[in-house]
Amino acid sequence: MAAIVAVRVLAGPFHFGPLPVTTPLNPEGFFGLAVTLLLCTGAGASSSVSKSSRRNLVVVVLGVVVLGFIALRRALGIYFLSDDFILVKIGEGWSAAAFRYSITHGGGDGFFRPLGYASFAVDAVWGGRNPQWWHATSLAIHCANAVLVLLMAKRLGASVMGAGFAGALFAVHGIHPEAVVWIAGRFDLVATFFLLAGLLLFTMTTEHHRILLHVAALGCFAAAALSKESAFVFPLLVTGYALTKRQPLKPAVWYFVLAAILFTYRWSLFGGIGGYINPATGRPAALSLGFGSTLKAVAVRLWTALYFPLNWSTEASLPLALPLALLAVAYMAALMWLALRSKSSSLAFPVAAGILVSVIPVLSLLAGSPGLAGSRVLYLPSVWFAILLATAVDSVPGRARYALGAIMLLFQFAALQHNLSFWEAASTQVKAACATEDPSLSASVDGVPALANGRQECIEIAHNRFSPP
């Protein structure tokens, strides 16, 4: 699989026997699945954790924040896109009455996310209609999440450098433009922030502060679930952590109880599970996914996006740019070396299980696409993906770990810059179309949501005719 992908990125489309290889989503996915299985089942022992001072941890944390800002600074220059225009309108019209309504009524889109919408009200107050300020908020939350990933990796047993690698990999992962650049992806950012904060609080429970920490963790879980439905996996993640650390499972019961209460309330608002509706069946998309589609999503397309987050929209008939193609080859070589030579950490399997648990709520959206459309739903799974590779790199002795880590970070950083170019190009087209009231711009441009929604609001903003509801 690595050889097929290498030929494709370096030379462009070709035929592998009778099979054409154009956008190599399946070879990438099979390669990623093989690497993951090897990391989880390889013989070896847990890596030793090196002791480090608090000062070293602070330096690594600051480094992750700076790296995250550098990697996504281009987002600050991107205009609003599609649903963003509607969300700006909602933010400007937000009030105490609107908040009360949001927590007592389901959204017309089939989702219940009152805290996510409340964040737009904050942006509207201090950012107005300036997209730079809205993007700055999203970038700040993303950098905060990268720090939480670092701290979570540290709590799971990684060394300071290993935890720093996890936070850095998450910060620059190429899958993140849709969640961080698109304002409509804010729900994923906020939900992940509260979920990770709650998990960290749960891991810090002690005999003297157990009740207070559990109450705080429960509060974070509630905030995460009221930001996006993907956070309902929190009790499963808590249970997994308790099993991994051989802690009592009794405290996890309260998280399942809270999940049941929140889900029952949501059900009462929608009269059912809610969510996207499958046009072909008329049923909720979450209930319409067949076994074959589910297997392909979990076994192939999930790993395609996590290991190779590349937008192939305009690359279908071309090789990748040479620097990115060479980095891709080096990246695959590093992954193969890591999978075959590193000692398997005892955390590898639980962390990989965390990836699978995190995709349960979004299984119906994991079909995969050459343009990475819908990739925001992998924001939370990418947390555990970053920690998985960090635990593997942490087990490598000597300076080899730094070389492997550097190659992986460079590839993901380059993939992120490659993907951001599509968002910049689509943003330019949207801004021009709204200024000229051009009705011809399509709903999606190279996998980027352009004007699928919000066309009228976009024109109103461009001509200063925009007023909140």
Protein backbone atom coordinates (compact mmCIF):
# COMPACT_ATOMS: atom_id res chain seq x y z
CA MET A 1 0.00 0.00 0.00
CA ALA A 2 2.84 2.38 0.82
CA ALA A 3 4.42 1.71 -2.56
CA ILE A 4 1.14 2.44 -4.36
CA VAL A 5 0.68 5.73 -2.49
CA ALA A 6 4.33 6.69 -3.06
CA VAL A 7 4.06 6.19 -6.83
CA ARG A 8 0.80 8.16 -6.89
CA VAL A 9 2.10 11.20 -4.98
CA LEU A 10 5.35 11.33 -6.96
CA ALA A 11 4.22 10.47 -10.49
CA GLY A 12 0.50 11.11 -10.62
CA PRO A 13 -2.33 8.72 -11.55
CA PHE A 14 -1.41 5.28 -12.86
CA HIS A 15 -2.84 1.77 -13.24
CA PHE A 16 -2.04 -0.95 -10.71
CA GLY A 17 -2.78 -3.92 -12.90
CA PRO A 18 -6.35 -3.40 -14.12
CA LEU A 19 -7.12 -0.95 -11.30
CA PRO A 20 -6.74 2.81 -11.79
CA VAL A 21 -5.11 4.73 -8.93
CA THR A 22 -6.30 8.33 -9.11
CA THR A 23 -7.17 9.57 -5.63
CA PRO A 24 -5.59 6.83 -3.48
CA LEU A 25 -8.09 6.92 -0.62
CA ASN A 26 -8.32 3.15 -0.22
CA PRO A 27 -4.55 2.42 -0.33
CA GLU A 28 -4.01 5.21 2.21
CA GLY A 29 -6.72 3.76 4.44
CA PHE A 30 -5.42 0.19 4.30
CA PHE A 31 -1.90 1.45 5.04
CA GLY A 32 -3.14 3.45 8.03
CA LEU A 33 -5.13 0.49 9.34
CA ALA A 34 -2.08 -1.79 9.06
CA VAL A 35 0.12 0.69 10.94
CA THR A 36 -2.49 1.04 13.69
CA LEU A 37 -2.83 -2.72 14.12
CA LEU A 38 0.96 -3.13 14.31
CA LEU A 39 1.23 -0.36 16.90
CA CYS A 40 -1.45 -2.03 19.02
CA THR A 41 -0.25 -5.63 18.75
CA GLY A 42 3.53 -5.43 18.51
CA ALA A 43 5.56 -7.21 21.16
CA GLY A 44 7.22 -5.05 23.76
CA ALA A 45 6.72 -3.15 26.95
CA SER A 46 5.48 0.25 27.97
CA SER A 47 7.87 3.09 27.44
CA SER A 48 9.67 4.46 30.44
CA VAL A 49 8.55 7.90 31.46
CA SER A 50 11.33 10.39 32.04
CA LYS A 51 11.02 12.79 34.93
CA SER A 52 10.98 16.44 34.01
CA SER A 53 10.60 19.68 35.87
CA ARG A 54 7.53 21.88 35.78
CA ARG A 55 9.64 24.43 33.95
CA ASN A 56 10.24 22.00 31.09
CA LEU A 57 6.51 21.32 30.88
CA VAL A 58 5.74 25.04 30.69
CA VAL A 59 8.27 25.48 27.88
CA VAL A 60 6.74 22.59 25.93
CA VAL A 61 3.23 23.98 26.45
CA LEU A 62 4.29 27.39 25.14
CA GLY A 63 5.97 25.71 22.17
CA VAL A 64 2.75 23.86 21.28
CA VAL A 65 0.73 27.09 21.44
CA VAL A 66 3.20 28.95 19.22
CA LEU A 67 3.33 26.07 16.74
CA GLY A 68 -0.46 25.92 16.58
CA PHE A 69 -0.67 29.64 15.85
CA ILE A 70 2.02 29.48 13.16
CA ALA A 71 0.37 26.47 11.50
CA LEU A 72 -3.07 28.10 11.27
CA ARG A 73 -2.28 31.81 11.17
CA ARG A 74 -3.52 31.92 7.55
CA ALA A 75 -7.02 31.33 8.89
CA LEU A 76 -7.07 34.92 10.14
CA GLY A 77 -7.19 36.19 6.55
CA ILE A 78 -10.06 33.98 5.40
CA TYR A 79 -13.55 35.39 4.83
CA PHE A 80 -16.83 33.93 6.09
CA LEU A 81 -18.14 30.86 4.23
CA SER A 82 -21.62 29.38 3.77
CA ASP A 83 -23.27 28.85 7.18
CA ASP A 84 -20.93 31.41 8.74
CA PHE A 85 -23.07 34.26 7.46
CA ILE A 86 -26.14 32.82 9.18
CA LEU A 87 -24.22 32.31 12.41
CA VAL A 88 -23.04 35.94 12.38
CA LYS A 89 -26.68 36.97 12.09
CA ILE A 90 -27.65 34.68 14.96
CA GLY A 91 -24.79 36.04 17.08
CA GLU A 92 -25.79 39.65 16.53
CA GLY A 93 -29.40 38.91 17.41
CA TRP A 94 -28.57 36.93 20.54
CA SER A 95 -30.20 37.92 23.82
CA ALA A 96 -31.20 36.43 27.16
CA ALA A 97 -34.53 35.49 25.62
CA ALA A 98 -32.76 33.82 22.70
CA PHE A 99 -30.64 31.78 25.10
CA ARG A 100 -33.68 30.68 27.07
CA TYR A 101 -35.32 29.64 23.82
CA SER A 102 -32.20 27.73 22.73
CA ILE A 103 -32.18 25.56 25.85
CA THR A 104 -35.89 24.75 25.68
CA HIS A 105 -36.26 24.08 21.95
CA GLY A 106 -34.42 21.89 19.48
CA GLY A 107 -32.73 23.54 16.53
CA GLY A 108 -34.40 23.47 13.15
CA ASP A 109 -31.35 21.59 11.84
CA GLY A 110 -32.07 18.63 14.11
CA PHE A 111 -29.35 19.47 16.64
CA PHE A 112 -29.34 20.80 20.19
CA ARG A 113 -26.24 22.96 20.76
CA PRO A 114 -27.13 25.98 22.94
CA LEU A 115 -23.61 26.56 24.33
CA GLY A 116 -22.12 26.40 20.86
CA TYR A 117 -24.51 29.13 19.71
CA ALA A 118 -23.75 31.16 22.84
CA SER A 119 -20.11 31.34 21.74
CA PHE A 120 -21.23 33.10 18.56
CA ALA A 121 -22.94 35.76 20.67
CA VAL A 122 -19.63 36.46 22.40
CA ASP A 123 -17.91 36.78 19.03
CA ALA A 124 -20.58 39.15 17.78
CA VAL A 125 -20.03 41.45 20.77
CA TRP A 126 -16.27 41.76 20.48
CA GLY A 127 -15.75 40.87 16.82
CA GLY A 128 -18.73 42.40 15.08
CA ARG A 129 -18.72 41.35 11.44
CA ASN A 130 -14.95 41.20 11.16
CA PRO A 131 -14.08 37.60 10.18
CA GLN A 132 -10.55 38.01 11.53
CA TRP A 133 -11.83 38.29 15.09
CA TRP A 134 -14.13 35.30 14.70
CA HIS A 135 -11.27 33.21 13.33
CA ALA A 136 -9.04 34.40 16.17
CA THR A 137 -11.50 32.94 18.68
CA SER A 138 -11.54 29.59 16.88
CA LEU A 139 -7.75 29.55 16.65
CA ALA A 140 -7.43 30.35 20.36
CA ILE A 141 -9.78 27.48 21.29
CA HIS A 142 -7.85 25.13 19.00
CA CYS A 143 -4.54 26.06 20.63
CA ALA A 144 -6.13 25.54 24.05
CA ASN A 145 -7.29 22.11 22.92
CA ALA A 146 -3.76 21.27 21.76
CA VAL A 147 -2.53 22.05 25.28
CA LEU A 148 -5.26 19.84 26.76
CA VAL A 149 -4.16 17.03 24.43
CA LEU A 150 -0.61 17.48 25.74
CA LEU A 151 -1.82 17.32 29.34
CA MET A 152 -4.01 14.29 28.59
CA ALA A 153 -1.06 12.45 27.05
CA LYS A 154 1.00 13.31 30.13
CA ARG A 155 -1.71 11.98 32.44
CA LEU A 156 -1.85 8.76 30.43
CA GLY A 157 1.85 8.19 31.03
CA ALA A 158 3.79 9.87 28.24
CA SER A 159 7.03 11.69 28.95
CA VAL A 160 7.04 15.48 28.72
CA MET A 161 8.57 15.29 25.24
CA GLY A 162 6.13 12.57 24.19
CA ALA A 163 3.20 14.62 25.49
CA GLY A 164 4.59 17.66 23.71
CA PHE A 165 4.69 15.68 20.48
CA ALA A 166 1.03 14.68 20.95
CA GLY A 167 0.00 18.30 21.47
CA ALA A 168 2.10 19.49 18.53
CA LEU A 169 0.77 16.79 16.20
CA PHE A 170 -2.78 17.68 17.11
CA ALA A 171 -2.05 21.39 16.64
CA VAL A 172 -0.76 20.97 13.06
CA HIS A 173 -2.81 17.98 11.88
CA GLY A 174 -3.92 18.46 8.30
CA ILE A 175 -7.52 17.38 8.94
CA HIS A 176 -8.38 20.50 10.94
CA PRO A 177 -9.18 23.35 8.49
CA GLU A 178 -12.90 22.58 8.41
CA ALA A 179 -13.16 22.61 12.21
CA VAL A 180 -10.89 25.61 12.84
CA VAL A 181 -11.27 27.79 9.73
CA TRP A 182 -15.00 27.33 9.18
CA ILE A 183 -16.93 29.18 11.90
CA ALA A 184 -19.63 26.51 11.62
CA GLY A 185 -17.03 24.06 12.96
CA ARG A 186 -16.94 25.92 16.29
CA PHE A 187 -19.24 23.33 17.83
CA ASP A 188 -16.48 20.71 17.51
CA LEU A 189 -13.89 23.02 19.06
CA VAL A 190 -16.01 23.93 22.09
CA ALA A 191 -17.27 20.38 22.68
CA THR A 192 -13.73 18.98 22.52
CA PHE A 193 -12.47 21.63 24.92
CA PHE A 194 -15.03 20.77 27.59
CA LEU A 195 -14.69 17.03 26.98
CA LEU A 196 -10.92 17.06 27.44
CA ALA A 197 -11.18 19.36 30.46
CA GLY A 198 -13.69 16.96 32.00
CA LEU A 199 -11.53 13.93 31.30
CA LEU A 200 -8.52 15.61 32.87
CA LEU A 201 -10.55 16.42 35.97
CA PHE A 202 -11.68 12.81 36.15
CA THR A 203 -8.08 11.57 35.96
CA MET A 204 -7.12 13.83 38.87
CA THR A 205 -9.68 12.47 41.32
CA THR A 206 -8.12 11.63 44.69
CA GLU A 207 -9.47 10.41 48.01
CA HIS A 208 -9.52 13.94 49.45
CA HIS A 209 -11.06 15.77 46.50
CA ARG A 210 -12.96 13.03 44.72
CA ILE A 211 -16.46 14.55 45.03
CA LEU A 212 -15.51 18.07 43.99
CA LEU A 213 -13.53 16.87 41.00
CA HIS A 214 -16.31 14.54 39.90
CA VAL A 215 -18.83 17.38 40.14
CA ALA A 216 -16.54 19.58 38.03
CA ALA A 217 -16.02 16.75 35.52
CA LEU A 218 -19.77 16.18 35.30
CA GLY A 219 -20.25 19.91 34.66
CA CYS A 220 -17.70 19.80 31.85
CA PHE A 221 -19.43 16.78 30.34
CA ALA A 222 -22.77 18.58 30.41
CA ALA A 223 -21.21 21.66 28.77
CA ALA A 224 -19.61 19.48 26.09
CA ALA A 225 -22.87 17.64 25.35
CA LEU A 226 -24.69 20.98 25.09
CA SER A 227 -22.09 22.10 22.55
CA LYS A 228 -22.20 19.08 20.23
CA GLU A 229 -23.64 15.57 20.29
CA SER A 230 -20.27 13.91 19.76
CA ALA A 231 -19.52 14.53 23.44
CA PHE A 232 -22.02 11.83 24.47
CA VAL A 233 -19.13 9.36 24.24
CA PHE A 234 -17.73 10.88 27.45
CA PRO A 235 -18.95 8.08 29.77
CA LEU A 236 -17.37 5.46 27.50
CA LEU A 237 -14.05 7.32 27.56
CA VAL A 238 -14.24 7.61 31.37
CA THR A 239 -14.91 3.89 31.62
CA GLY A 240 -12.01 3.13 29.29
CA TYR A 241 -9.65 5.23 31.38
CA ALA A 242 -10.75 3.51 34.60
CA LEU A 243 -10.22 0.09 33.04
CA THR A 244 -6.80 1.06 31.68
CA LYS A 245 -5.65 2.37 35.05
CA ARG A 246 -7.41 -0.44 36.95
CA GLN A 247 -9.53 1.98 38.93
CA PRO A 248 -13.02 1.29 40.34
CA LEU A 249 -15.78 1.56 37.75
CA LYS A 250 -18.43 2.73 40.21
CA PRO A 251 -17.80 6.50 39.67
CA ALA A 252 -18.41 6.07 35.94
CA VAL A 253 -22.05 5.23 36.67
CA TRP A 254 -22.82 8.88 37.39
CA TYR A 255 -21.58 9.89 33.94
CA PHE A 256 -23.91 7.35 32.31
CA VAL A 257 -26.78 8.68 34.44
CA LEU A 258 -26.09 12.25 33.33
CA ALA A 259 -25.79 11.11 29.70
CA ALA A 260 -29.19 9.39 29.98
CA ILE A 261 -30.77 12.54 31.44
CA LEU A 262 -29.30 14.79 28.74
CA PHE A 263 -30.22 12.40 25.95
CA THR A 264 -33.78 11.98 27.25
CA TYR A 265 -34.21 15.75 27.35
CA ARG A 266 -32.88 16.04 23.81
CA TRP A 267 -35.20 13.24 22.66
CA SER A 268 -38.17 15.08 24.18
CA LEU A 269 -37.30 18.22 22.19
CA PHE A 270 -37.08 16.43 18.84
CA GLY A 271 -39.48 13.57 19.43
CA GLY A 272 -36.65 11.24 18.41
CA ILE A 273 -32.91 11.04 17.93
CA GLY A 274 -32.75 14.14 15.71
CA GLY A 275 -29.72 14.84 13.55
CA TYR A 276 -29.34 14.80 9.78
CA ILE A 277 -32.03 13.09 7.72
CA ASN A 278 -31.06 10.62 4.99
CA PRO A 279 -32.93 11.85 1.86
CA ALA A 280 -33.07 8.34 0.42
CA THR A 281 -34.81 6.78 3.43
CA GLY A 282 -36.39 9.75 5.22
CA ARG A 283 -34.90 8.40 8.45
CA PRO A 284 -32.21 9.92 10.67
CA ALA A 285 -28.84 9.37 8.99
CA ALA A 286 -27.46 7.87 12.21
CA LEU A 287 -29.95 4.98 11.83
CA SER A 288 -29.58 4.51 8.08
CA LEU A 289 -26.01 3.27 7.74
CA GLY A 290 -25.72 -0.33 6.53
CA PHE A 291 -23.18 -2.87 7.74
CA GLY A 292 -21.04 -2.64 4.61
CA SER A 293 -20.89 1.14 4.73
CA THR A 294 -20.09 1.08 8.43
CA LEU A 295 -17.28 -1.45 7.95
CA LYS A 296 -15.73 0.59 5.12
CA ALA A 297 -15.96 3.80 7.14
CA VAL A 298 -14.30 2.32 10.22
CA ALA A 299 -11.79 0.00 8.56
CA VAL A 300 -10.64 2.25 5.70
CA ARG A 301 -11.85 5.83 5.38
CA LEU A 302 -11.26 6.73 9.03
CA TRP A 303 -7.57 5.87 8.74
CA THR A 304 -7.32 7.52 5.33
CA ALA A 305 -8.28 10.88 6.81
CA LEU A 306 -6.24 10.56 10.00
CA TYR A 307 -3.01 9.35 8.40
CA PHE A 308 -3.25 11.16 5.05
CA PRO A 309 -5.32 14.36 5.43
CA LEU A 310 -4.81 15.55 1.86
CA ASN A 311 -7.30 17.47 -0.25
CA TRP A 312 -7.17 15.79 -3.67
CA SER A 313 -9.80 18.03 -5.29
CA THR A 314 -7.58 19.51 -7.99
CA GLU A 315 -4.80 16.94 -7.76
CA ALA A 316 -6.73 14.06 -9.32
CA SER A 317 -4.76 14.19 -12.58
CA LEU A 318 -1.46 15.46 -11.15
CA PRO A 319 1.26 14.38 -8.76
CA LEU A 320 1.47 16.30 -5.51
CA ALA A 321 3.87 19.23 -5.36
CA LEU A 322 7.36 17.75 -5.09
CA PRO A 323 8.19 18.91 -1.51
CA LEU A 324 4.89 17.56 -0.18
CA ALA A 325 5.25 14.34 -2.19
CA LEU A 326 8.76 13.73 -0.83
CA LEU A 327 7.55 14.44 2.69
CA ALA A 328 4.72 11.94 2.17
CA VAL A 329 7.21 9.24 1.20
CA ALA A 330 9.44 10.01 4.17
CA TYR A 331 6.37 10.05 6.42
CA MET A 332 5.30 6.58 5.28
CA ALA A 333 8.81 5.28 5.80
CA ALA A 334 8.82 6.73 9.33
CA LEU A 335 5.45 5.15 10.10
CA MET A 336 6.59 1.74 8.82
CA TRP A 337 9.79 1.90 10.85
CA LEU A 338 7.78 2.93 13.91
CA ALA A 339 5.20 0.17 13.45
CA LEU A 340 7.78 -2.56 12.88
CA ARG A 341 10.56 -1.54 15.28
CA SER A 342 9.10 0.37 18.21
CA LYS A 343 8.06 -1.35 21.41
CA SER A 344 4.31 -1.49 21.77
CA SER A 345 3.08 0.69 24.62
CA SER A 346 0.45 -0.74 26.93
CA LEU A 347 -1.53 2.40 26.13
CA ALA A 348 -1.60 1.83 22.37
CA PHE A 349 -4.68 -0.38 22.33
CA PRO A 350 -6.76 1.76 24.77
CA VAL A 351 -5.90 4.92 22.86
CA ALA A 352 -6.78 3.30 19.52
CA ALA A 353 -10.05 2.21 21.11
CA GLY A 354 -10.58 5.88 22.02
CA ILE A 355 -10.46 6.72 18.30
CA LEU A 356 -13.13 4.13 17.52
CA VAL A 357 -15.34 5.21 20.43
CA SER A 358 -15.12 8.84 19.33
CA VAL A 359 -16.43 8.09 15.84
CA ILE A 360 -19.56 6.28 17.05
CA PRO A 361 -21.78 9.41 16.91
CA VAL A 362 -20.51 10.36 13.44
CA LEU A 363 -20.38 6.98 11.69
CA SER A 364 -22.95 8.09 9.11
CA LEU A 365 -20.67 10.99 8.11
CA LEU A 366 -17.47 8.99 7.56
CA ALA A 367 -17.94 8.17 3.88
CA GLY A 368 -14.81 10.15 3.04
CA SER A 369 -14.23 12.41 0.06
CA PRO A 370 -11.24 13.53 -2.03
CA GLY A 371 -11.83 17.10 -0.82
CA LEU A 372 -12.06 16.19 2.90
CA ALA A 373 -15.63 17.50 3.07
CA GLY A 374 -17.12 16.77 6.49
CA SER A 375 -13.71 16.29 8.09
CA ARG A 376 -14.69 18.44 11.09
CA VAL A 377 -16.32 15.33 12.61
CA LEU A 378 -12.82 13.84 13.02
CA TYR A 379 -11.64 16.66 15.27
CA LEU A 380 -12.23 14.64 18.45
CA PRO A 381 -10.88 11.32 17.06
CA SER A 382 -7.71 13.18 16.01
CA VAL A 383 -7.05 13.78 19.72
CA TRP A 384 -6.53 10.06 20.31
CA PHE A 385 -4.73 9.63 17.01
CA ALA A 386 -2.13 12.20 18.12
CA ILE A 387 -1.73 10.45 21.48
CA LEU A 388 -1.46 7.04 19.76
CA LEU A 389 1.51 8.14 17.65
CA ALA A 390 3.01 9.93 20.64
CA THR A 391 2.99 6.77 22.77
CA ALA A 392 4.68 4.90 19.90
CA VAL A 393 7.34 7.57 19.38
CA ASP A 394 7.89 7.71 23.14
CA SER A 395 8.90 4.04 23.14
CA VAL A 396 11.72 4.58 20.64
CA PRO A 397 15.14 4.83 22.31
CA GLY A 398 17.76 7.48 21.63
CA ARG A 399 17.67 10.21 19.02
CA ALA A 400 15.60 8.18 16.57
CA ARG A 401 12.45 9.35 18.34
CA TYR A 402 13.24 12.97 17.49
CA ALA A 403 13.85 12.18 13.83
CA LEU A 404 10.61 10.19 13.56
CA GLY A 405 8.64 12.86 15.36
CA ALA A 406 10.08 15.64 13.20
CA ILE A 407 9.18 13.84 9.96
CA MET A 408 5.61 13.25 11.09
CA LEU A 409 5.15 16.84 12.21
CA LEU A 410 6.62 18.19 8.98
CA PHE A 411 4.30 16.09 6.84
CA GLN A 412 1.18 17.05 8.78
CA PHE A 413 2.23 20.72 8.77
CA ALA A 414 2.78 20.60 5.00
CA ALA A 415 -0.56 18.82 4.46
CA LEU A 416 -2.27 21.49 6.55
CA GLN A 417 -0.74 24.29 4.45
CA HIS A 418 -1.75 22.43 1.28
CA ASN A 419 -5.34 22.16 2.51
CA LEU A 420 -5.50 25.78 3.69
CA SER A 421 -4.78 26.92 0.14
CA PHE A 422 -8.17 25.53 -0.95
CA TRP A 423 -9.91 27.45 1.83
CA GLU A 424 -8.16 30.68 0.86
CA ALA A 425 -9.12 30.26 -2.79
CA ALA A 426 -12.76 29.49 -1.98
CA SER A 427 -12.89 32.42 0.44
CA THR A 428 -11.71 34.82 -2.26
CA GLN A 429 -14.40 33.56 -4.63
CA VAL A 430 -17.13 33.86 -2.00
CA LYS A 431 -16.17 37.41 -1.08
CA ALA A 432 -16.17 38.48 -4.74
CA ALA A 433 -19.47 36.71 -5.47
CA CYS A 434 -21.19 38.41 -2.55
CA ALA A 435 -19.84 41.83 -3.52
CA THR A 436 -21.14 41.45 -7.08
CA GLU A 437 -24.25 39.47 -6.11
CA ASP A 438 -23.12 36.73 -8.46
CA PRO A 439 -25.60 33.83 -8.26
CA SER A 440 -23.42 31.36 -10.14
CA LEU A 441 -20.94 30.40 -7.40
CA SER A 442 -21.50 26.77 -6.46
CA ALA A 443 -22.36 25.44 -3.03
CA SER A 444 -18.95 23.79 -2.66
CA VAL A 445 -15.56 24.64 -4.17
CA ASP A 446 -12.92 21.90 -4.03
CA GLY A 447 -14.43 20.39 -0.92
CA VAL A 448 -14.77 23.76 0.81
CA PRO A 449 -18.30 24.93 1.74
CA ALA A 450 -18.73 28.10 -0.31
CA LEU A 451 -22.35 29.22 -0.51
CA ALA A 452 -24.35 26.09 0.22
CA ASN A 453 -26.19 28.29 2.73
CA GLY A 454 -26.16 31.94 3.71
CA ARG A 455 -26.13 33.41 0.21
CA GLN A 456 -28.62 36.15 1.05
CA GLU A 457 -26.94 36.99 4.36
CA CYS A 458 -23.59 37.16 2.56
CA ILE A 459 -24.92 39.73 0.09
CA GLU A 460 -26.46 41.77 2.93
CA ILE A 461 -23.13 41.88 4.78
CA ALA A 462 -21.20 42.82 1.66
CA HIS A 463 -23.55 45.75 0.97
CA ASN A 464 -24.05 46.74 4.61
CA ARG A 465 -27.72 45.84 4.46
CA PHE A 466 -27.37 43.27 7.17
CA SER A 467 -29.50 43.53 10.32
CA PRO A 468 -29.92 40.94 13.09
CA PRO A 469 -33.27 39.18 13.47
